[in-house]
Full PDB file with SEQRES, HELIX, SHEET, SSBOND, CRYST1, ORIGX, SCALE, CONECT and MASTER records, all heavy atoms in Angstrom:
SEQRES   1 A   30  LYS MET HIS GLU VAL THR LYS ARG GLY ILE ALA ARG THR          
SEQRES   2 A   30  PHE GLN ASN ILE ARG LEU PHE ALA ASN MET THR ALA LEU          
SEQRES   3 A   30  GLU ASN VAL GLN                                              
HELIX    1 AA1 MET A    2  ARG A    8  1                                   7    
HELIX    2 AA2 ALA A   25  VAL A   29  1                                   5    
CRYST1    1.000    1.000    1.000  90.00  90.00  90.00 P 1           1          
ORIGX1      1.000000  0.000000  0.000000        0.00000                         
ORIGX2      0.000000  1.000000  0.000000        0.00000                         
ORIGX3      0.000000  0.000000  1.000000        0.00000                         
SCALE1      1.000000  0.000000  0.000000        0.00000                         
SCALE2      0.000000  1.000000  0.000000        0.00000                         
SCALE3      0.000000  0.000000  1.000000        0.00000                         
ATOM      1  N   LYS A   1     108.562-137.435 131.601  1.00  0.00           N  
ATOM      2  CA  LYS A   1     107.976-136.210 132.209  1.00  0.00           C  
ATOM      3  C   LYS A   1     107.858-135.101 131.153  1.00  0.00           C  
ATOM      4  O   LYS A   1     108.455-135.224 130.008  1.00  0.00           O  
ATOM      5  CB  LYS A   1     108.891-135.788 133.352  1.00  0.00           C  
ATOM      6  CG  LYS A   1     108.999-136.717 134.454  1.00  0.00           C  
ATOM      7  CD  LYS A   1     109.918-136.195 135.521  1.00  0.00           C  
ATOM      8  CE  LYS A   1     110.028-137.294 136.675  1.00  0.00           C  
ATOM      9  NZ  LYS A   1     110.904-136.853 137.791  1.00  0.00           N  
ATOM     10  N   MET A   2     107.155-134.058 131.479  1.00  0.00           N  
ATOM     11  CA  MET A   2     106.845-132.994 130.471  1.00  0.00           C  
ATOM     12  C   MET A   2     108.145-132.439 129.824  1.00  0.00           C  
ATOM     13  O   MET A   2     108.245-132.270 128.607  1.00  0.00           O  
ATOM     14  CB  MET A   2     105.940-131.932 131.038  1.00  0.00           C  
ATOM     15  CG  MET A   2     104.494-132.361 131.252  1.00  0.00           C  
ATOM     16  SD  MET A   2     103.567-131.033 131.916  1.00  0.00           S  
ATOM     17  CE  MET A   2     104.066-131.018 133.636  1.00  0.00           C  
ATOM     18  N   HIS A   3     109.100-132.081 130.663  1.00  0.00           N  
ATOM     19  CA  HIS A   3     110.344-131.538 130.107  1.00  0.00           C  
ATOM     20  C   HIS A   3     111.133-132.437 129.319  1.00  0.00           C  
ATOM     21  O   HIS A   3     111.849-132.088 128.328  1.00  0.00           O  
ATOM     22  CB  HIS A   3     111.125-130.937 131.239  1.00  0.00           C  
ATOM     23  CG  HIS A   3     111.884-131.950 132.171  1.00  0.00           C  
ATOM     24  ND1 HIS A   3     111.157-132.543 133.178  1.00  0.00           N  
ATOM     25  CD2 HIS A   3     113.056-132.450 132.081  1.00  0.00           C  
ATOM     26  CE1 HIS A   3     111.956-133.411 133.742  1.00  0.00           C  
ATOM     27  NE2 HIS A   3     113.120-133.442 133.094  1.00  0.00           N  
ATOM     28  N   GLU A   4     111.034-133.777 129.633  1.00  0.00           N  
ATOM     29  CA  GLU A   4     111.672-134.801 128.778  1.00  0.00           C  
ATOM     30  C   GLU A   4     110.986-134.872 127.438  1.00  0.00           C  
ATOM     31  O   GLU A   4     111.707-135.120 126.477  1.00  0.00           O  
ATOM     32  CB  GLU A   4     111.669-136.082 129.576  1.00  0.00           C  
ATOM     33  CG  GLU A   4     112.488-136.070 130.837  1.00  0.00           C  
ATOM     34  CD  GLU A   4     112.338-137.314 131.678  1.00  0.00           C  
ATOM     35  OE1 GLU A   4     111.204-137.959 131.724  1.00  0.00           O  
ATOM     36  OE2 GLU A   4     113.300-137.785 132.418  1.00  0.00           O  
ATOM     37  N   VAL A   5     109.666-134.837 127.446  1.00  0.00           N  
ATOM     38  CA  VAL A   5     108.955-134.887 126.164  1.00  0.00           C  
ATOM     39  C   VAL A   5     109.348-133.725 125.257  1.00  0.00           C  
ATOM     40  O   VAL A   5     109.571-133.857 124.030  1.00  0.00           O  
ATOM     41  CB  VAL A   5     107.424-134.899 126.391  1.00  0.00           C  
ATOM     42  CG1 VAL A   5     106.692-134.716 125.084  1.00  0.00           C  
ATOM     43  CG2 VAL A   5     107.030-136.153 127.107  1.00  0.00           C  
ATOM     44  N   THR A   6     109.531-132.508 125.908  1.00  0.00           N  
ATOM     45  CA  THR A   6     109.878-131.292 125.133  1.00  0.00           C  
ATOM     46  C   THR A   6     111.346-131.478 124.603  1.00  0.00           C  
ATOM     47  O   THR A   6     111.525-131.159 123.386  1.00  0.00           O  
ATOM     48  CB  THR A   6     109.880-130.075 126.047  1.00  0.00           C  
ATOM     49  OG1 THR A   6     108.554-129.925 126.587  1.00  0.00           O  
ATOM     50  CG2 THR A   6     110.240-128.807 125.325  1.00  0.00           C  
ATOM     51  N   LYS A   7     112.213-132.023 125.386  1.00  0.00           N  
ATOM     52  CA  LYS A   7     113.560-132.304 124.810  1.00  0.00           C  
ATOM     53  C   LYS A   7     113.623-133.323 123.686  1.00  0.00           C  
ATOM     54  O   LYS A   7     114.482-133.212 122.807  1.00  0.00           O  
ATOM     55  CB  LYS A   7     114.484-132.707 126.003  1.00  0.00           C  
ATOM     56  CG  LYS A   7     114.875-131.565 126.964  1.00  0.00           C  
ATOM     57  CD  LYS A   7     115.863-132.088 127.922  1.00  0.00           C  
ATOM     58  CE  LYS A   7     116.369-130.912 128.883  1.00  0.00           C  
ATOM     59  NZ  LYS A   7     117.407-131.386 129.787  1.00  0.00           N  
ATOM     60  N   ARG A   8     112.630-134.230 123.737  1.00  0.00           N  
ATOM     61  CA  ARG A   8     112.645-135.181 122.742  1.00  0.00           C  
ATOM     62  C   ARG A   8     112.082-134.579 121.315  1.00  0.00           C  
ATOM     63  O   ARG A   8     112.412-135.172 120.374  1.00  0.00           O  
ATOM     64  CB  ARG A   8     111.624-136.420 123.020  1.00  0.00           C  
ATOM     65  CG  ARG A   8     112.263-137.337 124.122  1.00  0.00           C  
ATOM     66  CD  ARG A   8     113.174-138.331 123.492  1.00  0.00           C  
ATOM     67  NE  ARG A   8     112.494-139.039 122.500  1.00  0.00           N  
ATOM     68  CZ  ARG A   8     111.740-140.126 122.772  1.00  0.00           C  
ATOM     69  NH1 ARG A   8     111.549-140.605 124.046  1.00  0.00           N  
ATOM     70  NH2 ARG A   8     111.139-140.774 121.760  1.00  0.00           N  
ATOM     71  N   GLY A   9     111.455-133.429 121.438  1.00  0.00           N  
ATOM     72  CA  GLY A   9     111.093-132.808 120.204  1.00  0.00           C  
ATOM     73  C   GLY A   9     109.629-132.537 119.971  1.00  0.00           C  
ATOM     74  O   GLY A   9     109.106-132.392 118.949  1.00  0.00           O  
ATOM     75  N   ILE A  10     108.801-132.499 121.111  1.00  0.00           N  
ATOM     76  CA  ILE A  10     107.395-132.163 121.035  1.00  0.00           C  
ATOM     77  C   ILE A  10     107.115-130.924 121.753  1.00  0.00           C  
ATOM     78  O   ILE A  10     107.447-130.777 122.967  1.00  0.00           O  
ATOM     79  CB  ILE A  10     106.472-133.313 121.646  1.00  0.00           C  
ATOM     80  CG1 ILE A  10     106.705-134.538 120.772  1.00  0.00           C  
ATOM     81  CG2 ILE A  10     105.058-132.926 121.498  1.00  0.00           C  
ATOM     82  CD1 ILE A  10     105.832-135.776 121.259  1.00  0.00           C  
ATOM     83  N   ALA A  11     106.422-129.917 121.096  1.00  0.00           N  
ATOM     84  CA  ALA A  11     106.106-128.610 121.747  1.00  0.00           C  
ATOM     85  C   ALA A  11     104.602-128.385 121.527  1.00  0.00           C  
ATOM     86  O   ALA A  11     103.971-128.975 120.618  1.00  0.00           O  
ATOM     87  CB  ALA A  11     106.957-127.515 121.164  1.00  0.00           C  
ATOM     88  N   ARG A  12     104.036-127.606 122.327  1.00  0.00           N  
ATOM     89  CA  ARG A  12     102.620-127.360 122.204  1.00  0.00           C  
ATOM     90  C   ARG A  12     102.192-125.952 122.612  1.00  0.00           C  
ATOM     91  O   ARG A  12     102.934-125.237 123.306  1.00  0.00           O  
ATOM     92  CB  ARG A  12     101.797-128.357 123.171  1.00  0.00           C  
ATOM     93  CG  ARG A  12     101.910-128.065 124.579  1.00  0.00           C  
ATOM     94  CD  ARG A  12     100.894-128.961 125.387  1.00  0.00           C  
ATOM     95  NE  ARG A  12      99.540-128.587 125.138  1.00  0.00           N  
ATOM     96  CZ  ARG A  12      98.509-129.115 125.784  1.00  0.00           C  
ATOM     97  NH1 ARG A  12      98.656-130.141 126.624  1.00  0.00           N  
ATOM     98  NH2 ARG A  12      97.268-128.791 125.402  1.00  0.00           N  
ATOM     99  N   THR A  13     101.063-125.573 122.140  1.00  0.00           N  
ATOM    100  CA  THR A  13     100.341-124.346 122.623  1.00  0.00           C  
ATOM    101  C   THR A  13      99.086-124.776 123.327  1.00  0.00           C  
ATOM    102  O   THR A  13      98.710-125.999 123.263  1.00  0.00           O  
ATOM    103  CB  THR A  13     100.044-123.358 121.476  1.00  0.00           C  
ATOM    104  OG1 THR A  13      99.016-123.983 120.619  1.00  0.00           O  
ATOM    105  CG2 THR A  13     101.281-122.999 120.738  1.00  0.00           C  
ATOM    106  N   PHE A  14      98.444-123.856 123.948  1.00  0.00           N  
ATOM    107  CA  PHE A  14      97.165-124.238 124.787  1.00  0.00           C  
ATOM    108  C   PHE A  14      95.962-123.543 124.323  1.00  0.00           C  
ATOM    109  O   PHE A  14      96.076-122.501 123.717  1.00  0.00           O  
ATOM    110  CB  PHE A  14      97.499-123.866 126.295  1.00  0.00           C  
ATOM    111  CG  PHE A  14      98.610-124.688 126.889  1.00  0.00           C  
ATOM    112  CD1 PHE A  14      99.892-124.246 126.810  1.00  0.00           C  
ATOM    113  CD2 PHE A  14      98.274-125.813 127.577  1.00  0.00           C  
ATOM    114  CE1 PHE A  14     100.918-125.075 127.400  1.00  0.00           C  
ATOM    115  CE2 PHE A  14      99.315-126.599 128.105  1.00  0.00           C  
ATOM    116  CZ  PHE A  14     100.594-126.177 128.075  1.00  0.00           C  
ATOM    117  N   GLN A  15      94.835-124.125 124.640  1.00  0.00           N  
ATOM    118  CA  GLN A  15      93.519-123.580 124.214  1.00  0.00           C  
ATOM    119  C   GLN A  15      93.424-122.231 124.885  1.00  0.00           C  
ATOM    120  O   GLN A  15      92.952-121.321 124.295  1.00  0.00           O  
ATOM    121  CB  GLN A  15      92.411-124.552 124.672  1.00  0.00           C  
ATOM    122  CG  GLN A  15      91.047-124.069 124.336  1.00  0.00           C  
ATOM    123  CD  GLN A  15      90.010-125.081 124.792  1.00  0.00           C  
ATOM    124  OE1 GLN A  15      90.321-126.232 125.191  1.00  0.00           O  
ATOM    125  NE2 GLN A  15      88.781-124.698 124.720  1.00  0.00           N  
ATOM    126  N   ASN A  16      93.730-122.149 126.111  1.00  0.00           N  
ATOM    127  CA  ASN A  16      93.737-120.870 126.876  1.00  0.00           C  
ATOM    128  C   ASN A  16      95.243-120.376 126.899  1.00  0.00           C  
ATOM    129  O   ASN A  16      96.036-121.059 127.530  1.00  0.00           O  
ATOM    130  CB  ASN A  16      93.139-120.996 128.270  1.00  0.00           C  
ATOM    131  CG  ASN A  16      91.762-121.401 128.264  1.00  0.00           C  
ATOM    132  OD1 ASN A  16      90.919-120.905 127.500  1.00  0.00           O  
ATOM    133  ND2 ASN A  16      91.411-122.418 129.093  1.00  0.00           N  
ATOM    134  N   ILE A  17      95.517-119.229 126.324  1.00  0.00           N  
ATOM    135  CA  ILE A  17      96.864-118.801 126.125  1.00  0.00           C  
ATOM    136  C   ILE A  17      97.676-118.734 127.417  1.00  0.00           C  
ATOM    137  O   ILE A  17      97.144-118.281 128.419  1.00  0.00           O  
ATOM    138  CB  ILE A  17      96.860-117.377 125.541  1.00  0.00           C  
ATOM    139  CG1 ILE A  17      96.281-117.432 124.106  1.00  0.00           C  
ATOM    140  CG2 ILE A  17      98.314-116.770 125.488  1.00  0.00           C  
ATOM    141  CD1 ILE A  17      96.097-116.062 123.485  1.00  0.00           C  
ATOM    142  N   ARG A  18      98.839-119.377 127.559  1.00  0.00           N  
ATOM    143  CA  ARG A  18      99.602-119.434 128.747  1.00  0.00           C  
ATOM    144  C   ARG A  18     100.934-118.763 128.506  1.00  0.00           C  
ATOM    145  O   ARG A  18     101.979-119.435 128.474  1.00  0.00           O  
ATOM    146  CB  ARG A  18      99.694-120.851 129.163  1.00  0.00           C  
ATOM    147  CG  ARG A  18      98.390-121.515 129.555  1.00  0.00           C  
ATOM    148  CD  ARG A  18      98.600-122.893 130.118  1.00  0.00           C  
ATOM    149  NE  ARG A  18      97.314-123.560 130.347  1.00  0.00           N  
ATOM    150  CZ  ARG A  18      97.227-124.780 130.886  1.00  0.00           C  
ATOM    151  NH1 ARG A  18      98.355-125.441 131.124  1.00  0.00           N  
ATOM    152  NH2 ARG A  18      96.101-125.312 131.000  1.00  0.00           N  
ATOM    153  N   LEU A  19     100.972-117.433 128.392  1.00  0.00           N  
ATOM    154  CA  LEU A  19     102.201-116.677 128.250  1.00  0.00           C  
ATOM    155  C   LEU A  19     102.612-116.172 129.593  1.00  0.00           C  
ATOM    156  O   LEU A  19     101.752-116.128 130.573  1.00  0.00           O  
ATOM    157  CB  LEU A  19     102.055-115.524 127.228  1.00  0.00           C  
ATOM    158  CG  LEU A  19     101.761-115.962 125.879  1.00  0.00           C  
ATOM    159  CD1 LEU A  19     101.355-114.735 124.991  1.00  0.00           C  
ATOM    160  CD2 LEU A  19     102.985-116.595 125.184  1.00  0.00           C  
ATOM    161  N   PHE A  20     103.799-115.706 129.737  1.00  0.00           N  
ATOM    162  CA  PHE A  20     104.312-115.009 130.985  1.00  0.00           C  
ATOM    163  C   PHE A  20     103.950-113.543 130.732  1.00  0.00           C  
ATOM    164  O   PHE A  20     104.719-112.767 130.057  1.00  0.00           O  
ATOM    165  CB  PHE A  20     105.785-115.200 131.179  1.00  0.00           C  
ATOM    166  CG  PHE A  20     106.131-116.733 131.434  1.00  0.00           C  
ATOM    167  CD1 PHE A  20     106.665-117.481 130.443  1.00  0.00           C  
ATOM    168  CD2 PHE A  20     105.852-117.252 132.766  1.00  0.00           C  
ATOM    169  CE1 PHE A  20     106.927-118.810 130.695  1.00  0.00           C  
ATOM    170  CE2 PHE A  20     106.144-118.532 132.967  1.00  0.00           C  
ATOM    171  CZ  PHE A  20     106.708-119.404 131.903  1.00  0.00           C  
ATOM    172  N   ALA A  21     102.821-113.085 131.314  1.00  0.00           N  
ATOM    173  CA  ALA A  21     102.254-111.810 131.044  1.00  0.00           C  
ATOM    174  C   ALA A  21     103.182-110.645 131.198  1.00  0.00           C  
ATOM    175  O   ALA A  21     103.156-109.642 130.472  1.00  0.00           O  
ATOM    176  CB  ALA A  21     100.965-111.597 131.762  1.00  0.00           C  
ATOM    177  N   ASN A  22     103.978-110.717 132.330  1.00  0.00           N  
ATOM    178  CA  ASN A  22     104.806-109.649 132.660  1.00  0.00           C  
ATOM    179  C   ASN A  22     106.269-109.753 132.204  1.00  0.00           C  
ATOM    180  O   ASN A  22     107.202-109.063 132.723  1.00  0.00           O  
ATOM    181  CB  ASN A  22     104.790-109.381 134.245  1.00  0.00           C  
ATOM    182  CG  ASN A  22     103.416-108.985 134.675  1.00  0.00           C  
ATOM    183  OD1 ASN A  22     102.868-107.978 134.178  1.00  0.00           O  
ATOM    184  ND2 ASN A  22     102.904-109.614 135.705  1.00  0.00           N  
ATOM    185  N   MET A  23     106.427-110.600 131.220  1.00  0.00           N  
ATOM    186  CA  MET A  23     107.713-110.692 130.514  1.00  0.00           C  
ATOM    187  C   MET A  23     107.555-110.231 129.069  1.00  0.00           C  
ATOM    188  O   MET A  23     106.443-110.227 128.562  1.00  0.00           O  
ATOM    189  CB  MET A  23     108.237-112.126 130.542  1.00  0.00           C  
ATOM    190  CG  MET A  23     108.601-112.646 131.942  1.00  0.00           C  
ATOM    191  SD  MET A  23     108.912-114.417 132.023  1.00  0.00           S  
ATOM    192  CE  MET A  23     110.397-114.552 131.010  1.00  0.00           C  
ATOM    193  N   THR A  24     108.598-109.780 128.540  1.00  0.00           N  
ATOM    194  CA  THR A  24     108.546-109.257 127.078  1.00  0.00           C  
ATOM    195  C   THR A  24     108.364-110.470 126.180  1.00  0.00           C  
ATOM    196  O   THR A  24     108.490-111.544 126.507  1.00  0.00           O  
ATOM    197  CB  THR A  24     109.779-108.513 126.729  1.00  0.00           C  
ATOM    198  OG1 THR A  24     110.943-109.433 126.679  1.00  0.00           O  
ATOM    199  CG2 THR A  24     110.150-107.384 127.757  1.00  0.00           C  
ATOM    200  N   ALA A  25     107.999-110.079 124.884  1.00  0.00           N  
ATOM    201  CA  ALA A  25     107.768-111.154 123.905  1.00  0.00           C  
ATOM    202  C   ALA A  25     109.076-111.901 123.754  1.00  0.00           C  
ATOM    203  O   ALA A  25     109.069-113.154 123.648  1.00  0.00           O  
ATOM    204  CB  ALA A  25     107.380-110.465 122.600  1.00  0.00           C  
ATOM    205  N   LEU A  26     110.249-111.143 123.690  1.00  0.00           N  
ATOM    206  CA  LEU A  26     111.464-111.900 123.533  1.00  0.00           C  
ATOM    207  C   LEU A  26     111.828-112.755 124.639  1.00  0.00           C  
ATOM    208  O   LEU A  26     112.234-113.920 124.489  1.00  0.00           O  
ATOM    209  CB  LEU A  26     112.637-110.837 123.305  1.00  0.00           C  
ATOM    210  CG  LEU A  26     114.054-111.380 123.167  1.00  0.00           C  
ATOM    211  CD1 LEU A  26     114.187-112.349 121.961  1.00  0.00           C  
ATOM    212  CD2 LEU A  26     115.095-110.328 123.087  1.00  0.00           C  
ATOM    213  N   GLU A  27     111.526-112.378 125.901  1.00  0.00           N  
ATOM    214  CA  GLU A  27     111.825-113.197 127.082  1.00  0.00           C  
ATOM    215  C   GLU A  27     110.949-114.399 127.079  1.00  0.00           C  
ATOM    216  O   GLU A  27     111.371-115.446 127.473  1.00  0.00           O  
ATOM    217  CB  GLU A  27     111.591-112.362 128.339  1.00  0.00           C  
ATOM    218  CG  GLU A  27     112.679-111.330 128.605  1.00  0.00           C  
ATOM    219  CD  GLU A  27     112.241-110.349 129.644  1.00  0.00           C  
ATOM    220  OE1 GLU A  27     111.044-110.208 130.047  1.00  0.00           O  
ATOM    221  OE2 GLU A  27     113.151-109.669 130.212  1.00  0.00           O  
ATOM    222  N   ASN A  28     109.698-114.310 126.590  1.00  0.00           N  
ATOM    223  CA  ASN A  28     108.835-115.451 126.481  1.00  0.00           C  
ATOM    224  C   ASN A  28     109.439-116.552 125.561  1.00  0.00           C  
ATOM    225  O   ASN A  28     109.373-117.652 125.786  1.00  0.00           O  
ATOM    226  CB  ASN A  28     107.493-115.031 126.001  1.00  0.00           C  
ATOM    227  CG  ASN A  28     106.509-114.779 127.163  1.00  0.00           C  
ATOM    228  OD1 ASN A  28     105.829-115.665 127.642  1.00  0.00           O  
ATOM    229  ND2 ASN A  28     106.437-113.540 127.533  1.00  0.00           N  
ATOM    230  N   VAL A  29     110.033-116.024 124.399  1.00  0.00           N  
ATOM    231  CA  VAL A  29     110.583-116.951 123.392  1.00  0.00           C  
ATOM    232  C   VAL A  29     111.802-117.622 124.053  1.00  0.00           C  
ATOM    233  O   VAL A  29     112.116-118.807 123.827  1.00  0.00           O  
ATOM    234  CB  VAL A  29     110.874-116.290 122.069  1.00  0.00           C  
ATOM    235  CG1 VAL A  29     111.587-117.247 121.132  1.00  0.00           C  
ATOM    236  CG2 VAL A  29     109.627-115.739 121.488  1.00  0.00           C  
ATOM    237  N   GLN A  30     112.557-116.828 124.803  1.00  0.00           N  
ATOM    238  CA  GLN A  30     113.760-117.389 125.388  1.00  0.00           C  
ATOM    239  C   GLN A  30     113.504-118.415 126.388  1.00  0.00           C  
ATOM    240  O   GLN A  30     114.286-119.383 126.689  1.00  0.00           O  
ATOM    241  CB  GLN A  30     114.628-116.251 126.015  1.00  0.00           C  
ATOM    242  CG  GLN A  30     115.219-115.335 124.967  1.00  0.00           C  
ATOM    243  CD  GLN A  30     115.942-114.092 125.445  1.00  0.00           C  
ATOM    244  OE1 GLN A  30     115.525-113.631 126.498  1.00  0.00           O  
ATOM    245  NE2 GLN A  30     116.980-113.641 124.773  1.00  0.00           N  
TER     246      GLN A  30                                                      
MASTER        0    0    0    2    0    0    0    6  245    1    0    3          
END                                                                             
């Protein structure tokens, strides 16, 4: 599953930015 792939060591960004708009930059990183 996606979260299992992430734990294995693969991360990605998206063609259309998918940030949490109403969270701070630090909270997004966390």
